[in-house]
Amino acid sequence: MDTIKELREETGLSFAQIKKALDEANGDKEAARKVLSAFSSEQAEKKADRELGAGVIAAYTHASGTIGVLLELACETDFVAKNEEFKALAKDLAMQVCAMSPVSVDGEDDTALMKQAFIKDPEMTVEQKIQSAIQKFGENTKVTRFTRYSIA
C-alpha cells in the first residue's frame, strides 16, 4: 500500500492504474514506473489526433531579469486549462525553455524541447512529462509554441 501511495504522489495517476502496473511488475516499484511510462506513451498516441481548443500562456522571467519566455500549452477543454496542475506544468515548461534554450518544439536532435531532459526530473524527457500529463488529465496536450527573449 505504501508503494501505491508513493507512486500516486509521484505520478498523480489513479490507484487502479498504479495497482495494475505493480501487479504486472510483480511488486517491483522501478519496473512499475517503466510500465506506467509505457502506458503513458500509449495513451498519448491514442489522443494525439484530438483537437486542441483550449490552453494557457505561461510566462517566466529569470531572476536576473535578462531572459524571459512565453509558452503556449494547449489542451482540449477549458476544464483542464483552468486546472492548477496544468498551469504549473506550463510554468515548468517555460522555465525549461529559459534554462535550456531549445530551438524548436519538436525535432530530431537534442536542441528540440521535447527531446531534452526535463530539468525538474532529469530521469524523464519533456516528451515523457507531457505524455504523463496526457494520461493524468485525460486530454491531448501539446506545447504549440514558445518564444525566448534574451538580452545579450
N, C-alpha and C. Protein backbone atom coordinates (compact mmCIF):
# COMPACT_ATOMS: atom_id res chain seq x y z
N MET A 1 0.82 -1.19 0.00
CA MET A 1 0.00 0.00 0.00
C MET A 1 0.86 1.26 0.00
N ASP A 2 2.00 1.21 0.73
CA ASP A 2 2.90 2.37 0.76
C ASP A 2 3.47 2.66 -0.63
N THR A 3 3.78 1.60 -1.37
CA THR A 3 4.33 1.77 -2.72
C THR A 3 3.28 2.40 -3.63
N ILE A 4 2.04 1.97 -3.52
CA ILE A 4 0.97 2.56 -4.32
C ILE A 4 0.83 4.04 -3.99
N LYS A 5 0.83 4.34 -2.70
CA LYS A 5 0.70 5.73 -2.27
C LYS A 5 1.87 6.57 -2.79
N GLU A 6 3.08 6.04 -2.70
CA GLU A 6 4.27 6.76 -3.17
C GLU A 6 4.21 7.02 -4.68
N LEU A 7 3.84 6.00 -5.45
CA LEU A 7 3.73 6.17 -6.90
C LEU A 7 2.59 7.12 -7.26
N ARG A 8 1.53 7.09 -6.49
CA ARG A 8 0.41 8.02 -6.72
C ARG A 8 0.86 9.45 -6.52
N GLU A 9 1.63 9.70 -5.45
CA GLU A 9 2.12 11.05 -5.19
C GLU A 9 3.09 11.51 -6.29
N GLU A 10 3.90 10.60 -6.79
CA GLU A 10 4.86 10.92 -7.85
C GLU A 10 4.18 11.21 -9.18
N THR A 11 3.20 10.37 -9.53
CA THR A 11 2.63 10.43 -10.88
C THR A 11 1.28 11.12 -10.96
N GLY A 12 0.52 11.10 -9.88
CA GLY A 12 -0.83 11.66 -9.91
C GLY A 12 -1.83 10.75 -10.61
N LEU A 13 -1.42 9.53 -10.93
CA LEU A 13 -2.30 8.59 -11.63
C LEU A 13 -3.22 7.91 -10.63
N SER A 14 -4.23 7.24 -11.16
CA SER A 14 -5.22 6.60 -10.31
C SER A 14 -4.63 5.38 -9.60
N PHE A 15 -5.25 5.03 -8.46
CA PHE A 15 -4.82 3.86 -7.71
C PHE A 15 -4.93 2.61 -8.58
N ALA A 16 -5.99 2.53 -9.38
CA ALA A 16 -6.21 1.36 -10.23
C ALA A 16 -5.08 1.19 -11.25
N GLN A 17 -4.66 2.29 -11.89
CA GLN A 17 -3.58 2.21 -12.86
C GLN A 17 -2.27 1.79 -12.18
N ILE A 18 -2.02 2.36 -11.03
CA ILE A 18 -0.78 2.04 -10.31
C ILE A 18 -0.78 0.60 -9.83
N LYS A 19 -1.93 0.16 -9.29
CA LYS A 19 -2.02 -1.23 -8.82
C LYS A 19 -1.82 -2.20 -9.98
N LYS A 20 -2.43 -1.89 -11.12
CA LYS A 20 -2.28 -2.75 -12.29
C LYS A 20 -0.81 -2.82 -12.72
N ALA A 21 -0.12 -1.68 -12.72
CA ALA A 21 1.30 -1.64 -13.09
C ALA A 21 2.14 -2.44 -12.10
N LEU A 22 1.85 -2.29 -10.81
CA LEU A 22 2.59 -3.05 -9.79
C LEU A 22 2.34 -4.55 -9.92
N ASP A 23 1.10 -4.93 -10.21
CA ASP A 23 0.79 -6.35 -10.42
C ASP A 23 1.58 -6.89 -11.61
N GLU A 24 1.61 -6.11 -12.68
CA GLU A 24 2.32 -6.52 -13.89
C GLU A 24 3.83 -6.62 -13.63
N ALA A 25 4.32 -5.78 -12.72
CA ALA A 25 5.75 -5.75 -12.40
C ALA A 25 6.10 -6.60 -11.19
N ASN A 26 5.16 -7.41 -10.73
CA ASN A 26 5.37 -8.29 -9.57
C ASN A 26 5.84 -7.52 -8.33
N GLY A 27 5.27 -6.33 -8.14
CA GLY A 27 5.56 -5.54 -6.95
C GLY A 27 6.83 -4.72 -7.00
N ASP A 28 7.58 -4.82 -8.08
CA ASP A 28 8.83 -4.06 -8.23
C ASP A 28 8.50 -2.62 -8.62
N LYS A 29 8.84 -1.66 -7.74
CA LYS A 29 8.48 -0.26 -7.95
C LYS A 29 9.12 0.32 -9.21
N GLU A 30 10.40 0.03 -9.45
CA GLU A 30 11.09 0.57 -10.64
C GLU A 30 10.49 -0.01 -11.92
N ALA A 31 10.19 -1.28 -11.91
CA ALA A 31 9.57 -1.91 -13.08
C ALA A 31 8.17 -1.34 -13.30
N ALA A 32 7.46 -1.06 -12.22
CA ALA A 32 6.12 -0.46 -12.33
C ALA A 32 6.20 0.93 -12.95
N ARG A 33 7.24 1.69 -12.60
CA ARG A 33 7.43 3.01 -13.22
C ARG A 33 7.58 2.88 -14.73
N LYS A 34 8.33 1.85 -15.17
CA LYS A 34 8.52 1.62 -16.59
C LYS A 34 7.20 1.23 -17.26
N VAL A 35 6.41 0.42 -16.58
CA VAL A 35 5.10 0.03 -17.11
C VAL A 35 4.21 1.27 -17.24
N LEU A 36 4.21 2.11 -16.22
CA LEU A 36 3.40 3.34 -16.26
C LEU A 36 3.87 4.27 -17.36
N SER A 37 5.17 4.35 -17.58
CA SER A 37 5.71 5.19 -18.64
C SER A 37 5.28 4.68 -20.02
N ALA A 38 5.34 3.37 -20.21
CA ALA A 38 4.90 2.78 -21.48
C ALA A 38 3.42 3.01 -21.69
N PHE A 39 2.63 2.90 -20.61
CA PHE A 39 1.20 3.14 -20.70
C PHE A 39 0.93 4.59 -21.06
N SER A 40 1.70 5.51 -20.49
CA SER A 40 1.54 6.94 -20.80
C SER A 40 1.78 7.19 -22.28
N SER A 41 2.80 6.55 -22.83
CA SER A 41 3.11 6.71 -24.25
C SER A 41 1.95 6.21 -25.11
N GLU A 42 1.39 5.07 -24.75
CA GLU A 42 0.25 4.52 -25.50
C GLU A 42 -0.95 5.47 -25.45
N GLN A 43 -1.23 5.99 -24.26
CA GLN A 43 -2.37 6.90 -24.09
C GLN A 43 -2.16 8.18 -24.90
N ALA A 44 -0.95 8.71 -24.89
CA ALA A 44 -0.64 9.93 -25.63
C ALA A 44 -0.83 9.70 -27.13
N GLU A 45 -0.40 8.53 -27.60
CA GLU A 45 -0.54 8.21 -29.02
C GLU A 45 -2.02 8.12 -29.42
N LYS A 46 -2.84 7.53 -28.57
CA LYS A 46 -4.27 7.40 -28.85
C LYS A 46 -4.97 8.76 -28.91
N LYS A 47 -4.49 9.71 -28.12
CA LYS A 47 -5.16 11.01 -28.02
C LYS A 47 -4.54 12.07 -28.93
N ALA A 48 -3.50 11.71 -29.65
CA ALA A 48 -2.73 12.68 -30.45
C ALA A 48 -3.55 13.38 -31.53
N ASP A 49 -4.58 12.73 -32.04
CA ASP A 49 -5.37 13.32 -33.12
C ASP A 49 -6.52 14.19 -32.62
N ARG A 50 -6.73 14.22 -31.32
CA ARG A 50 -7.81 15.04 -30.78
C ARG A 50 -7.51 16.53 -30.97
N GLU A 51 -8.55 17.30 -31.21
CA GLU A 51 -8.40 18.73 -31.45
C GLU A 51 -8.10 19.49 -30.16
N LEU A 52 -7.16 20.40 -30.27
CA LEU A 52 -6.78 21.24 -29.14
C LEU A 52 -7.54 22.56 -29.25
N GLY A 53 -8.44 22.81 -28.30
CA GLY A 53 -9.27 24.00 -28.37
C GLY A 53 -9.11 24.94 -27.20
N ALA A 54 -8.21 24.63 -26.27
CA ALA A 54 -8.03 25.46 -25.09
C ALA A 54 -6.56 25.39 -24.69
N GLY A 55 -6.23 26.07 -23.62
CA GLY A 55 -4.86 26.03 -23.14
C GLY A 55 -4.52 27.25 -22.30
N VAL A 56 -3.24 27.42 -22.03
CA VAL A 56 -2.77 28.56 -21.26
C VAL A 56 -1.48 29.10 -21.88
N ILE A 57 -1.23 30.37 -21.60
CA ILE A 57 0.04 31.01 -21.93
C ILE A 57 0.77 31.18 -20.61
N ALA A 58 1.97 30.65 -20.52
CA ALA A 58 2.77 30.79 -19.31
C ALA A 58 3.93 31.74 -19.60
N ALA A 59 4.23 32.58 -18.62
CA ALA A 59 5.36 33.49 -18.74
C ALA A 59 6.35 33.17 -17.63
N TYR A 60 7.61 33.23 -17.97
CA TYR A 60 8.65 33.01 -16.98
C TYR A 60 9.77 34.00 -17.23
N THR A 61 10.21 34.67 -16.20
CA THR A 61 11.34 35.58 -16.28
C THR A 61 12.41 35.11 -15.31
N HIS A 62 13.62 34.95 -15.81
CA HIS A 62 14.73 34.53 -14.97
C HIS A 62 14.99 35.58 -13.90
N ALA A 63 15.50 35.17 -12.76
CA ALA A 63 15.76 36.09 -11.64
C ALA A 63 16.68 37.23 -12.04
N SER A 64 17.54 37.01 -13.01
CA SER A 64 18.46 38.06 -13.45
C SER A 64 17.74 39.17 -14.22
N GLY A 65 16.54 38.86 -14.70
CA GLY A 65 15.78 39.83 -15.48
C GLY A 65 16.26 39.97 -16.91
N THR A 66 17.18 39.11 -17.34
CA THR A 66 17.72 39.22 -18.69
C THR A 66 17.20 38.16 -19.66
N ILE A 67 16.43 37.21 -19.16
CA ILE A 67 15.84 36.16 -20.01
C ILE A 67 14.37 36.02 -19.65
N GLY A 68 13.53 35.94 -20.67
CA GLY A 68 12.10 35.74 -20.45
C GLY A 68 11.54 34.79 -21.49
N VAL A 69 10.47 34.11 -21.13
CA VAL A 69 9.86 33.12 -22.02
C VAL A 69 8.34 33.26 -21.98
N LEU A 70 7.72 33.16 -23.15
CA LEU A 70 6.28 32.97 -23.27
C LEU A 70 6.07 31.62 -23.92
N LEU A 71 5.21 30.80 -23.35
CA LEU A 71 4.99 29.45 -23.84
C LEU A 71 3.50 29.16 -23.87
N GLU A 72 3.04 28.56 -24.96
CA GLU A 72 1.64 28.16 -25.09
C GLU A 72 1.54 26.65 -24.92
N LEU A 73 0.76 26.24 -23.91
CA LEU A 73 0.48 24.82 -23.67
C LEU A 73 -0.99 24.60 -23.96
N ALA A 74 -1.28 23.81 -24.98
CA ALA A 74 -2.65 23.60 -25.43
C ALA A 74 -3.22 22.28 -24.91
N CYS A 75 -4.54 22.29 -24.72
CA CYS A 75 -5.28 21.08 -24.31
C CYS A 75 -6.63 21.13 -25.01
N GLU A 76 -7.50 20.19 -24.68
CA GLU A 76 -8.78 20.08 -25.36
C GLU A 76 -9.88 20.97 -24.78
N THR A 77 -9.91 21.13 -23.46
CA THR A 77 -11.03 21.84 -22.83
C THR A 77 -10.57 22.88 -21.83
N ASP A 78 -11.43 23.85 -21.57
CA ASP A 78 -11.18 24.87 -20.54
C ASP A 78 -11.08 24.23 -19.16
N PHE A 79 -11.81 23.14 -18.96
CA PHE A 79 -11.78 22.46 -17.66
C PHE A 79 -10.36 22.09 -17.27
N VAL A 80 -9.61 21.52 -18.19
CA VAL A 80 -8.22 21.15 -17.92
C VAL A 80 -7.34 22.39 -17.90
N ALA A 81 -7.56 23.33 -18.82
CA ALA A 81 -6.74 24.54 -18.89
C ALA A 81 -6.79 25.35 -17.59
N LYS A 82 -7.90 25.27 -16.87
CA LYS A 82 -8.05 26.01 -15.62
C LYS A 82 -7.49 25.25 -14.41
N ASN A 83 -7.09 24.02 -14.62
CA ASN A 83 -6.55 23.20 -13.54
C ASN A 83 -5.20 23.75 -13.09
N GLU A 84 -5.01 23.89 -11.80
CA GLU A 84 -3.77 24.46 -11.26
C GLU A 84 -2.54 23.62 -11.61
N GLU A 85 -2.69 22.31 -11.66
CA GLU A 85 -1.55 21.45 -12.03
C GLU A 85 -1.17 21.65 -13.50
N PHE A 86 -2.16 21.88 -14.34
CA PHE A 86 -1.90 22.14 -15.76
C PHE A 86 -1.15 23.46 -15.91
N LYS A 87 -1.60 24.47 -15.18
CA LYS A 87 -0.93 25.78 -15.21
C LYS A 87 0.51 25.66 -14.69
N ALA A 88 0.70 24.86 -13.65
CA ALA A 88 2.04 24.66 -13.09
C ALA A 88 2.94 23.96 -14.11
N LEU A 89 2.39 23.00 -14.86
CA LEU A 89 3.16 22.34 -15.90
C LEU A 89 3.60 23.35 -16.95
N ALA A 90 2.70 24.22 -17.37
CA ALA A 90 3.04 25.24 -18.36
C ALA A 90 4.17 26.13 -17.83
N LYS A 91 4.10 26.51 -16.58
CA LYS A 91 5.15 27.35 -15.97
C LYS A 91 6.48 26.60 -15.92
N ASP A 92 6.44 25.31 -15.54
CA ASP A 92 7.66 24.50 -15.53
C ASP A 92 8.28 24.39 -16.92
N LEU A 93 7.44 24.25 -17.93
CA LEU A 93 7.94 24.15 -19.30
C LEU A 93 8.53 25.47 -19.77
N ALA A 94 7.94 26.58 -19.35
CA ALA A 94 8.51 27.89 -19.68
C ALA A 94 9.89 28.04 -19.01
N MET A 95 10.00 27.57 -17.77
CA MET A 95 11.29 27.59 -17.08
C MET A 95 12.30 26.70 -17.81
N GLN A 96 11.85 25.58 -18.32
CA GLN A 96 12.69 24.68 -19.10
C GLN A 96 13.26 25.41 -20.32
N VAL A 97 12.40 26.12 -21.03
CA VAL A 97 12.83 26.86 -22.21
C VAL A 97 13.84 27.93 -21.83
N CYS A 98 13.59 28.60 -20.73
CA CYS A 98 14.50 29.63 -20.24
C CYS A 98 15.89 29.04 -19.95
N ALA A 99 15.91 27.93 -19.26
CA ALA A 99 17.18 27.33 -18.82
C ALA A 99 17.93 26.61 -19.93
N MET A 100 17.21 25.94 -20.83
CA MET A 100 17.86 25.03 -21.77
C MET A 100 17.93 25.54 -23.22
N SER A 101 17.31 26.66 -23.52
CA SER A 101 17.38 27.31 -24.85
C SER A 101 17.09 26.38 -26.03
N PRO A 102 15.97 25.65 -26.02
CA PRO A 102 15.67 24.81 -27.19
C PRO A 102 15.42 25.70 -28.40
N VAL A 103 15.64 25.14 -29.59
CA VAL A 103 15.44 25.92 -30.81
C VAL A 103 14.09 25.64 -31.48
N SER A 104 13.43 24.55 -31.07
CA SER A 104 12.12 24.21 -31.63
C SER A 104 11.35 23.36 -30.63
N VAL A 105 10.08 23.16 -30.90
CA VAL A 105 9.28 22.29 -30.04
C VAL A 105 9.66 20.84 -30.31
N ASP A 106 9.55 20.44 -31.57
CA ASP A 106 9.89 19.08 -31.98
C ASP A 106 11.06 19.11 -32.93
N GLY A 107 11.77 18.05 -32.99
CA GLY A 107 12.91 17.94 -33.90
C GLY A 107 13.64 16.65 -33.62
N GLU A 108 14.60 16.37 -34.41
CA GLU A 108 15.33 15.11 -34.30
C GLU A 108 16.49 15.17 -33.31
N ASP A 109 17.02 16.36 -33.06
CA ASP A 109 18.18 16.44 -32.19
C ASP A 109 17.81 16.92 -30.79
N ASP A 110 18.81 16.98 -29.93
CA ASP A 110 18.54 17.33 -28.53
C ASP A 110 18.36 18.83 -28.28
N THR A 111 18.36 19.62 -29.37
CA THR A 111 18.04 21.04 -29.20
C THR A 111 16.53 21.27 -29.25
N ALA A 112 15.78 20.25 -29.57
CA ALA A 112 14.32 20.34 -29.57
C ALA A 112 13.80 20.16 -28.14
N LEU A 113 12.83 20.96 -27.77
CA LEU A 113 12.28 20.93 -26.41
C LEU A 113 11.85 19.53 -26.00
N MET A 114 11.13 18.83 -26.85
CA MET A 114 10.59 17.52 -26.48
C MET A 114 11.67 16.47 -26.22
N LYS A 115 12.86 16.65 -26.78
CA LYS A 115 13.94 15.67 -26.62
C LYS A 115 14.82 15.95 -25.40
N GLN A 116 14.67 17.12 -24.80
CA GLN A 116 15.53 17.48 -23.67
C GLN A 116 15.12 16.75 -22.39
N ALA A 117 16.09 16.54 -21.52
CA ALA A 117 15.80 16.02 -20.18
C ALA A 117 15.03 17.09 -19.43
N PHE A 118 13.98 16.69 -18.75
CA PHE A 118 13.15 17.63 -18.00
C PHE A 118 13.94 18.12 -16.80
N ILE A 119 14.10 19.43 -16.64
CA ILE A 119 15.00 19.95 -15.61
C ILE A 119 14.57 19.63 -14.19
N LYS A 120 13.28 19.44 -13.97
CA LYS A 120 12.82 19.12 -12.61
C LYS A 120 12.88 17.63 -12.30
N ASP A 121 13.07 16.81 -13.34
CA ASP A 121 13.23 15.37 -13.17
C ASP A 121 14.04 14.83 -14.35
N PRO A 122 15.35 14.91 -14.28
CA PRO A 122 16.21 14.51 -15.41
C PRO A 122 16.07 13.05 -15.83
N GLU A 123 15.37 12.25 -15.03
CA GLU A 123 15.14 10.84 -15.40
C GLU A 123 14.19 10.72 -16.58
N MET A 124 13.44 11.80 -16.88
CA MET A 124 12.49 11.76 -17.98
C MET A 124 12.74 12.91 -18.94
N THR A 125 12.28 12.74 -20.18
CA THR A 125 12.37 13.83 -21.15
C THR A 125 11.13 14.71 -21.02
N VAL A 126 11.17 15.86 -21.66
CA VAL A 126 10.00 16.74 -21.68
C VAL A 126 8.84 16.01 -22.36
N GLU A 127 9.14 15.27 -23.41
CA GLU A 127 8.11 14.50 -24.11
C GLU A 127 7.43 13.51 -23.15
N GLN A 128 8.20 12.82 -22.34
CA GLN A 128 7.64 11.88 -21.37
C GLN A 128 6.81 12.61 -20.31
N LYS A 129 7.25 13.80 -19.92
CA LYS A 129 6.50 14.60 -18.95
C LYS A 129 5.14 14.97 -19.54
N ILE A 130 5.12 15.36 -20.80
CA ILE A 130 3.85 15.70 -21.45
C ILE A 130 2.97 14.45 -21.58
N GLN A 131 3.58 13.31 -21.91
CA GLN A 131 2.81 12.07 -22.01
C GLN A 131 2.17 11.71 -20.68
N SER A 132 2.89 11.92 -19.59
CA SER A 132 2.29 11.63 -18.28
C SER A 132 1.17 12.61 -17.97
N ALA A 133 1.29 13.85 -18.44
CA ALA A 133 0.21 14.83 -18.26
C ALA A 133 -1.02 14.42 -19.06
N ILE A 134 -0.82 13.90 -20.26
CA ILE A 134 -1.93 13.42 -21.08
C ILE A 134 -2.67 12.31 -20.35
N GLN A 135 -1.91 11.40 -19.77
CA GLN A 135 -2.53 10.31 -19.02
C GLN A 135 -3.25 10.85 -17.79
N LYS A 136 -2.65 11.77 -17.11
CA LYS A 136 -3.22 12.31 -15.87
C LYS A 136 -4.49 13.10 -16.13
N PHE A 137 -4.45 14.00 -17.13
CA PHE A 137 -5.59 14.87 -17.39
C PHE A 137 -6.61 14.25 -18.34
N GLY A 138 -6.22 13.20 -19.06
CA GLY A 138 -7.14 12.53 -19.97
C GLY A 138 -7.42 13.29 -21.24
N GLU A 139 -6.54 14.23 -21.58
CA GLU A 139 -6.72 15.04 -22.78
C GLU A 139 -5.41 15.17 -23.53
N ASN A 140 -5.53 15.35 -24.85
CA ASN A 140 -4.37 15.65 -25.65
C ASN A 140 -3.76 16.96 -25.14
N THR A 141 -2.47 17.01 -25.02
CA THR A 141 -1.76 18.19 -24.51
C THR A 141 -0.49 18.37 -25.32
N LYS A 142 -0.25 19.61 -25.76
CA LYS A 142 0.93 19.88 -26.57
C LYS A 142 1.46 21.28 -26.30
N VAL A 143 2.77 21.40 -26.35
CA VAL A 143 3.38 22.72 -26.42
C VAL A 143 3.25 23.12 -27.88
N THR A 144 2.48 24.18 -28.15
CA THR A 144 2.26 24.56 -29.54
C THR A 144 3.29 25.57 -30.03
N ARG A 145 3.80 26.40 -29.10
CA ARG A 145 4.84 27.35 -29.49
C ARG A 145 5.44 27.99 -28.25
N PHE A 146 6.60 28.57 -28.43
CA PHE A 146 7.24 29.34 -27.38
C PHE A 146 8.14 30.38 -28.00
N THR A 147 8.41 31.42 -27.23
CA THR A 147 9.35 32.45 -27.62
C THR A 147 10.25 32.73 -26.42
N ARG A 148 11.54 32.74 -26.68
CA ARG A 148 12.52 33.01 -25.62
C ARG A 148 13.20 34.33 -25.95
N TYR A 149 13.16 35.25 -25.01
CA TYR A 149 13.79 36.55 -25.15
C TYR A 149 15.03 36.59 -24.26
N SER A 150 16.10 37.17 -24.81
CA SER A 150 17.33 37.25 -24.03
C SER A 150 18.05 38.56 -24.35
N ILE A 151 18.55 39.21 -23.32
CA ILE A 151 19.34 40.40 -23.51
C ILE A 151 20.80 39.96 -23.55
N ALA A 152 21.39 40.18 -24.69
CA ALA A 152 22.80 39.81 -24.98
C ALA A 152 23.14 38.48 -24.51
